[in-house]
């Protein structure tokens, strides 16, 4: 008989049902448009603090207005912090 400790059986994940009609649609602060497209902030990491010792460019995805291109302030604050 095998006396080794065994991994626990994985638990079934419960999916939460979310009614999106209860969610607010985000609108552009400048033009009121509600369609956004992916955009990126690029952060430059100095070789001094980079784990590889080389300069690194790190893309951070945000969303910009599909009409005027503005990135919502909330998203900018999260990136520029």
C-alpha atoms as a PDB file:
ATOM      1  CA  UNK A   1       0.000   0.000   0.000  1.00  0.00           C
ATOM      2  CA  UNK A   2       1.286   3.477  -0.961  1.00  0.00           C
ATOM      3  CA  UNK A   3       1.672   5.739   2.087  1.00  0.00           C
ATOM      4  CA  UNK A   4       2.810   8.852   0.204  1.00  0.00           C
ATOM      5  CA  UNK A   5       0.795  12.014   0.701  1.00  0.00           C
ATOM      6  CA  UNK A   6      -1.444  12.648  -2.252  1.00  0.00           C
ATOM      7  CA  UNK A   7      -2.603  15.899  -3.758  1.00  0.00           C
ATOM      8  CA  UNK A   8      -6.165  16.895  -2.907  1.00  0.00           C
ATOM      9  CA  UNK A   9      -8.697  16.472  -5.675  1.00  0.00           C
ATOM     10  CA  UNK A  10      -9.391  19.736  -7.506  1.00  0.00           C
ATOM     11  CA  UNK A  11     -12.639  21.385  -6.511  1.00  0.00           C
ATOM     12  CA  UNK A  12     -15.119  22.269  -9.221  1.00  0.00           C
ATOM     13  CA  UNK A  13     -15.113  26.013  -9.798  1.00  0.00           C
ATOM     14  CA  UNK A  14     -18.424  27.730  -9.326  1.00  0.00           C
ATOM     15  CA  UNK A  15     -19.253  30.209 -12.044  1.00  0.00           C
ATOM     16  CA  UNK A  16     -20.877  33.377 -10.813  1.00  0.00           C
ATOM     17  CA  UNK A  17     -23.677  34.677 -12.981  1.00  0.00           C
ATOM     18  CA  UNK A  18     -23.476  38.427 -13.482  1.00  0.00           C
ATOM     19  CA  UNK A  19     -26.286  40.467 -14.996  1.00  0.00           C
ATOM     20  CA  UNK A  20     -24.509  43.108 -17.094  1.00  0.00           C
ATOM     21  CA  UNK A  21     -27.689  45.172 -17.278  1.00  0.00           C
ATOM     22  CA  UNK A  22     -26.815  46.161 -13.685  1.00  0.00           C
ATOM     23  CA  UNK A  23     -23.370  47.432 -14.772  1.00  0.00           C
ATOM     24  CA  UNK A  24     -22.705  51.029 -15.791  1.00  0.00           C
ATOM     25  CA  UNK A  25     -21.427  51.698 -19.306  1.00  0.00           C
ATOM     26  CA  UNK A  26     -18.278  53.782 -19.194  1.00  0.00           C
ATOM     27  CA  UNK A  27     -18.320  56.928 -21.325  1.00  0.00           C
ATOM     28  CA  UNK A  28     -15.517  59.196 -22.473  1.00  0.00           C
ATOM     29  CA  UNK A  29     -15.046  62.164 -20.161  1.00  0.00           C
ATOM     30  CA  UNK A  30     -14.494  64.499 -23.129  1.00  0.00           C
ATOM     31  CA  UNK A  31     -16.867  63.454 -25.924  1.00  0.00           C
ATOM     32  CA  UNK A  32     -19.337  61.044 -24.283  1.00  0.00           C
ATOM     33  CA  UNK A  33     -18.497  58.150 -26.641  1.00  0.00           C
ATOM     34  CA  UNK A  34     -18.923  54.675 -25.135  1.00  0.00           C
ATOM     35  CA  UNK A  35     -16.647  52.699 -27.487  1.00  0.00           C
ATOM     36  CA  UNK A  36     -13.050  52.181 -26.376  1.00  0.00           C
ATOM     37  CA  UNK A  37     -10.088  50.597 -28.137  1.00  0.00           C
ATOM     38  CA  UNK A  38      -6.967  48.981 -26.671  1.00  0.00           C
ATOM     39  CA  UNK A  39      -3.985  51.293 -26.269  1.00  0.00           C
ATOM     40  CA  UNK A  40      -0.669  50.996 -24.444  1.00  0.00           C
ATOM     41  CA  UNK A  41       1.497  53.014 -22.114  1.00  0.00           C
ATOM     42  CA  UNK A  42       5.148  52.021 -22.500  1.00  0.00           C
ATOM     43  CA  UNK A  43       7.245  52.091 -19.332  1.00  0.00           C
ATOM     44  CA  UNK A  44      11.027  52.140 -19.625  1.00  0.00           C
ATOM     45  CA  UNK A  45      12.806  50.182 -16.936  1.00  0.00           C
ATOM     46  CA  UNK A  46      16.373  51.304 -16.264  1.00  0.00           C
ATOM     47  CA  UNK A  47      19.126  48.679 -16.494  1.00  0.00           C
ATOM     48  CA  UNK A  48      20.006  49.531 -12.893  1.00  0.00           C
ATOM     49  CA  UNK A  49      16.710  48.137 -11.569  1.00  0.00           C
ATOM     50  CA  UNK A  50      15.969  45.636 -14.335  1.00  0.00           C
ATOM     51  CA  UNK A  51      16.297  41.984 -13.247  1.00  0.00           C
ATOM     52  CA  UNK A  52      18.215  41.220 -16.462  1.00  0.00           C
ATOM     53  CA  UNK A  53      20.595  44.160 -16.126  1.00  0.00           C
ATOM     54  CA  UNK A  54      19.364  45.476 -19.487  1.00  0.00           C
ATOM     55  CA  UNK A  55      16.925  48.236 -20.317  1.00  0.00           C
ATOM     56  CA  UNK A  56      13.397  46.895 -20.654  1.00  0.00           C
ATOM     57  CA  UNK A  57      10.333  48.350 -22.331  1.00  0.00           C
ATOM     58  CA  UNK A  58       7.146  47.234 -20.605  1.00  0.00           C
ATOM     59  CA  UNK A  59       3.776  47.674 -22.344  1.00  0.00           C
ATOM     60  CA  UNK A  60       0.786  48.347 -20.090  1.00  0.00           C
ATOM     61  CA  UNK A  61      -2.579  47.963 -21.771  1.00  0.00           C
ATOM     62  CA  UNK A  62      -5.255  50.598 -21.206  1.00  0.00           C
ATOM     63  CA  UNK A  63      -8.268  51.679 -23.227  1.00  0.00           C
ATOM     64  CA  UNK A  64      -8.647  54.923 -25.135  1.00  0.00           C
ATOM     65  CA  UNK A  65     -11.778  56.509 -26.569  1.00  0.00           C
ATOM     66  CA  UNK A  66     -12.499  55.226 -30.049  1.00  0.00           C
ATOM     67  CA  UNK A  67     -13.673  58.694 -31.073  1.00  0.00           C
ATOM     68  CA  UNK A  68     -11.239  61.234 -29.583  1.00  0.00           C
ATOM     69  CA  UNK A  69      -8.427  58.979 -28.303  1.00  0.00           C
ATOM     70  CA  UNK A  70      -8.507  60.189 -24.693  1.00  0.00           C
ATOM     71  CA  UNK A  71      -7.483  57.692 -22.009  1.00  0.00           C
ATOM     72  CA  UNK A  72      -9.836  57.955 -18.997  1.00  0.00           C
ATOM     73  CA  UNK A  73      -8.232  59.606 -15.966  1.00  0.00           C
ATOM     74  CA  UNK A  74      -8.945  56.550 -13.799  1.00  0.00           C
ATOM     75  CA  UNK A  75      -6.866  54.363 -16.102  1.00  0.00           C
ATOM     76  CA  UNK A  76      -4.063  56.932 -16.233  1.00  0.00           C
ATOM     77  CA  UNK A  77      -3.938  57.094 -12.438  1.00  0.00           C
ATOM     78  CA  UNK A  78      -3.628  53.300 -12.246  1.00  0.00           C
ATOM     79  CA  UNK A  79      -0.630  53.393 -14.608  1.00  0.00           C
ATOM     80  CA  UNK A  80       1.071  56.603 -13.529  1.00  0.00           C
ATOM     81  CA  UNK A  81       0.208  56.042  -9.863  1.00  0.00           C
END
